[in-house]
C-alpha cells in the first residue's frame, strides 16, 4: 500500500477555555492537516499506537488523533485492508501488514491460558470439595478427573511445540 500521509505523535493543546486541538510532533495542527486529506473511497486513514492499528476510517474527520500517529494509504484492489489490531511496517512510502511481535503473541497466549486455568479452577474447587467430603457422585468424580486432566494440559502448554505462536489448545471438558 502506498503511504500518502504519515504524521507522528499527536497531542492535545488548549487555545481557549474548553476548546481542545491536536497537533503532531512537528507542530502541525490536525485541522490544517485534515483539510489536505482526501475522503476518496480508495484512501484509508488509520490511527496507530506503536505500529498497531487502533482505528480506521475512510473519512478522516471521524478520527481523533490525540495520543496516536496518523497514516493515510491509497488502497489497490489487491491490498488486504488493515483492520484494528493489525501491526504494520512502513518502509519509505510503502506500508505492509506484518505479524505481531513475539512479545505480543506470547502475552496473548499467556492471557488466554490464565483465563482458561481460572475457569478450570472454578470447576475443580467444588468438585474436589464434594470428593473430599465423601459426597461426590460417580459423575462428579468423572468430571473432576476430566477438569484436572484439562488443567494439567493447560499447565504444560508453554513447554509444548508451537508455543506461543501455534498453540493447540486442549478441548474443554463437557
Foldseek 3Di string as FASTA:
>chain_A
DFWDDKFAAWAWDDDDVPDIWIATPVRHTPVVVLVPDDLPVQKKKFWDDPQFTADIDSRPVPDDRHGTMMIMDGHDPPDDDDDGGWGWDDDPRDIDTDDDDPVVLQVVQVVVLVVLLVVLCVLLVVLVVCVVVVNHDPVSVVLNVQSVVLNVVSVCQCVDPPPPPRGDRDDDDD
